[in-house]
Protein backbone atom coordinates (compact mmCIF):
# COMPACT_ATOMS: atom_id res chain seq x y z
CA UNK A 1 -33.77 -39.41 11.33
CA UNK A 2 -35.50 -36.35 11.30
CA UNK A 3 -33.94 -33.08 9.56
CA UNK A 4 -34.00 -30.46 11.84
CA UNK A 5 -36.10 -27.69 9.27
CA UNK A 6 -34.51 -23.91 10.49
CA UNK A 7 -36.79 -20.57 10.64
CA UNK A 8 -37.01 -18.39 6.45
CA UNK A 9 -36.18 -15.94 9.05
CA UNK A 10 -32.79 -17.21 11.17
CA UNK A 11 -31.70 -18.51 7.30
CA UNK A 12 -32.07 -15.07 6.35
CA UNK A 13 -30.88 -12.96 8.46
CA UNK A 14 -27.34 -15.80 8.87
CA UNK A 15 -26.61 -16.37 5.11
CA UNK A 16 -26.00 -11.76 6.02
CA UNK A 17 -24.07 -12.14 9.49
CA UNK A 18 -24.80 -8.39 10.11
CA UNK A 19 -22.43 -6.42 12.60
CA UNK A 20 -26.11 -6.38 14.16
CA UNK A 21 -26.48 -10.71 14.20
CA UNK A 22 -22.56 -10.68 15.13
CA UNK A 23 -23.17 -9.21 18.38
CA UNK A 24 -26.37 -10.45 18.83
CA UNK A 25 -24.45 -14.44 18.93
CA UNK A 26 -21.20 -13.55 20.50
CA UNK A 27 -23.50 -11.44 23.25
CA UNK A 28 -25.90 -15.31 23.26
CA UNK A 29 -22.84 -17.02 23.47
CA UNK A 30 -21.09 -15.00 26.24
CA UNK A 31 -24.57 -15.38 28.21
CA UNK A 32 -23.68 -19.12 28.17
CA UNK A 33 -26.65 -20.42 29.45
CA UNK A 34 -26.09 -22.81 26.17
CA UNK A 35 -23.35 -24.33 24.39
CA UNK A 36 -21.17 -23.99 21.54
CA UNK A 37 -22.50 -26.43 19.81
CA UNK A 38 -26.38 -25.60 20.88
CA UNK A 39 -25.80 -21.80 19.97
CA UNK A 40 -24.26 -22.96 16.47
CA UNK A 41 -27.23 -25.08 15.82
CA UNK A 42 -30.13 -22.14 16.61
CA UNK A 43 -28.00 -19.68 14.57
CA UNK A 44 -26.90 -21.55 11.77
CA UNK A 45 -22.92 -20.85 11.64
CA UNK A 46 -19.77 -22.83 12.99
CA UNK A 47 -18.51 -22.56 16.28
CA UNK A 48 -15.55 -21.98 15.72
CA UNK A 49 -16.79 -19.01 14.28
CA UNK A 50 -18.91 -17.74 17.14
CA UNK A 51 -16.02 -18.14 19.49
CA UNK A 52 -13.87 -15.49 16.67
CA UNK A 53 -16.61 -13.38 17.72
CA UNK A 54 -17.58 -13.33 21.08
CA UNK A 55 -13.24 -13.37 21.64
CA UNK A 56 -13.53 -9.95 19.39
CA UNK A 57 -16.55 -8.74 21.61
CA UNK A 58 -14.69 -9.20 24.51
CA UNK A 59 -11.53 -7.59 23.23
CA UNK A 60 -13.62 -4.29 21.36
CA UNK A 61 -15.95 -3.97 25.42
CA UNK A 62 -13.81 -1.03 26.80
CA UNK A 63 -13.36 0.62 23.97
CA UNK A 64 -17.43 1.08 23.78
CA UNK A 65 -16.93 2.80 27.52
CA UNK A 66 -13.53 4.80 26.63
CA UNK A 67 -13.88 9.43 25.79
CA UNK A 68 -14.36 9.36 22.37
CA UNK A 69 -13.74 13.06 22.96
CA UNK A 70 -10.02 12.63 24.20
CA UNK A 71 -10.08 9.72 21.54
CA UNK A 72 -11.21 11.88 18.83
CA UNK A 73 -8.76 15.14 19.70
CA UNK A 74 -5.99 12.99 19.77
CA UNK A 75 -6.93 11.58 15.77
CA UNK A 76 -6.69 15.58 15.31
CA UNK A 77 -3.70 16.10 16.69
CA UNK A 78 -2.04 13.48 14.83
CA UNK A 79 -4.17 14.27 11.51
CA UNK A 80 -2.40 17.80 11.70
CA UNK A 81 1.66 16.48 11.85
CA UNK A 82 1.10 14.10 9.62
CA UNK A 83 0.12 16.52 7.21
CA UNK A 84 2.32 19.46 7.99
CA UNK A 85 4.59 16.51 7.54
CA UNK A 86 3.94 16.13 4.23
CA UNK A 87 3.97 19.75 3.48
CA UNK A 88 7.66 19.31 4.15
CA UNK A 89 7.91 16.60 2.67
CA UNK A 90 6.96 17.71 -0.17
CA UNK A 91 9.28 20.97 0.25
CA UNK A 92 12.30 19.32 0.46
CA UNK A 93 11.84 17.14 -2.45
CA UNK A 94 11.36 20.14 -4.51
CA UNK A 95 13.75 21.77 -3.35
CA UNK A 96 15.87 19.55 -4.33
CA UNK A 97 14.76 18.20 -7.52
CA UNK A 98 15.57 21.39 -8.41
CA UNK A 99 19.36 21.87 -7.88
CA UNK A 100 19.88 18.37 -7.86
CA UNK A 101 22.93 17.81 -10.64
CA UNK A 102 21.16 17.51 -14.46
CA UNK A 103 23.87 15.15 -15.98
CA UNK A 104 22.54 11.56 -16.19
CA UNK A 105 26.14 10.16 -14.60
CA UNK A 106 25.99 13.41 -11.91
CA UNK A 107 22.44 11.48 -11.28
CA UNK A 108 23.71 7.67 -11.25
CA UNK A 109 26.59 8.72 -8.57
CA UNK A 110 23.51 9.36 -5.63
CA UNK A 111 21.75 5.57 -6.08
CA UNK A 112 23.21 3.33 -3.50
CA UNK A 113 22.74 0.22 -4.80
CA UNK A 114 22.67 -1.95 -0.44
CA UNK A 115 20.37 1.13 0.96
CA UNK A 116 17.81 -1.23 3.70
CA UNK A 117 14.44 0.75 2.44
CA UNK A 118 14.85 2.16 -0.98
CA UNK A 119 15.37 0.12 -4.01
CA UNK A 120 17.11 1.60 -7.45
CA UNK A 121 13.37 1.91 -9.11
CA UNK A 122 12.25 4.22 -5.94
CA UNK A 123 15.61 6.10 -6.02
CA UNK A 124 15.39 6.13 -9.67
CA UNK A 125 12.02 7.36 -9.46
CA UNK A 126 13.26 9.96 -6.48
CA UNK A 127 15.97 11.80 -8.81
CA UNK A 128 13.83 11.24 -11.95
CA UNK A 129 16.34 8.64 -13.86
CA UNK A 130 15.49 6.37 -15.95
CA UNK A 131 15.72 3.41 -14.42
CA UNK A 132 17.12 1.47 -17.99
CA UNK A 133 20.29 4.37 -17.31
CA UNK A 134 20.84 2.95 -13.79
CA UNK A 135 22.37 0.22 -15.82
CA UNK A 136 22.91 1.11 -19.31
CA UNK A 137 27.11 1.03 -19.73
CA UNK A 138 28.26 3.24 -22.46
CA UNK A 139 30.76 1.36 -24.37
CA UNK A 140 33.70 2.98 -26.77
CA UNK A 141 32.52 3.17 -30.19
CA UNK A 142 35.22 0.91 -32.19
CA UNK A 143 36.82 2.96 -34.82
CA UNK A 144 35.09 2.26 -38.23
CA UNK A 145 31.74 2.97 -36.92
CA UNK A 146 34.04 6.45 -36.41
CA UNK A 147 35.45 6.60 -39.14
CA UNK A 148 31.53 5.70 -40.88
CA UNK A 149 30.40 8.75 -38.19
CA UNK A 150 32.88 10.95 -40.27
CA UNK A 151 32.10 9.63 -44.06
CA UNK A 152 28.35 10.78 -43.27
CA UNK A 153 28.09 13.88 -42.14
CA UNK A 154 31.12 14.86 -44.67
CA UNK A 155 28.48 13.94 -47.54
CA UNK A 156 25.33 15.56 -45.28
CA UNK A 157 27.58 18.33 -44.74
CA UNK A 158 28.36 18.51 -48.85
CA UNK A 159 24.69 18.25 -49.77
CA UNK A 160 23.06 21.29 -47.91
CA UNK A 161 25.91 23.44 -49.26
CA UNK A 162 25.11 22.56 -52.74
CA UNK A 163 21.68 23.62 -51.03
């Protein structure tokens, strides 16, 4: 069985698979004068890939003739609106951070664990609260620890008076 040898140019172009190569293959498929199998053999590309490129060409063809000025103007307007919104949101966040309560307990009360869009991590970040402090539960000191702390404090105060 004789093996078909591809030309060096076809192999080099196919390995790069640049946009010009894809367009040439898709246009050849669109012409319809050869089957997908023949095109696959000619270009060294799988028939499914040729079908995909042909479909992308058909879907993207209307954009080639769209009015670019309107599209560019719409994108610029949209970009301006987004920049305005970003600026407004930054200002609101700064205002909130300035007027937030400073105690950890008060900040913890602002967190909504059942919030659908903001995770606890993100809520803690926005509030400037360490996430560990959200999960931390205070535990009352034992009577023994309180006695020890008072004793340590008394000893420390006496030593400081001597010096």
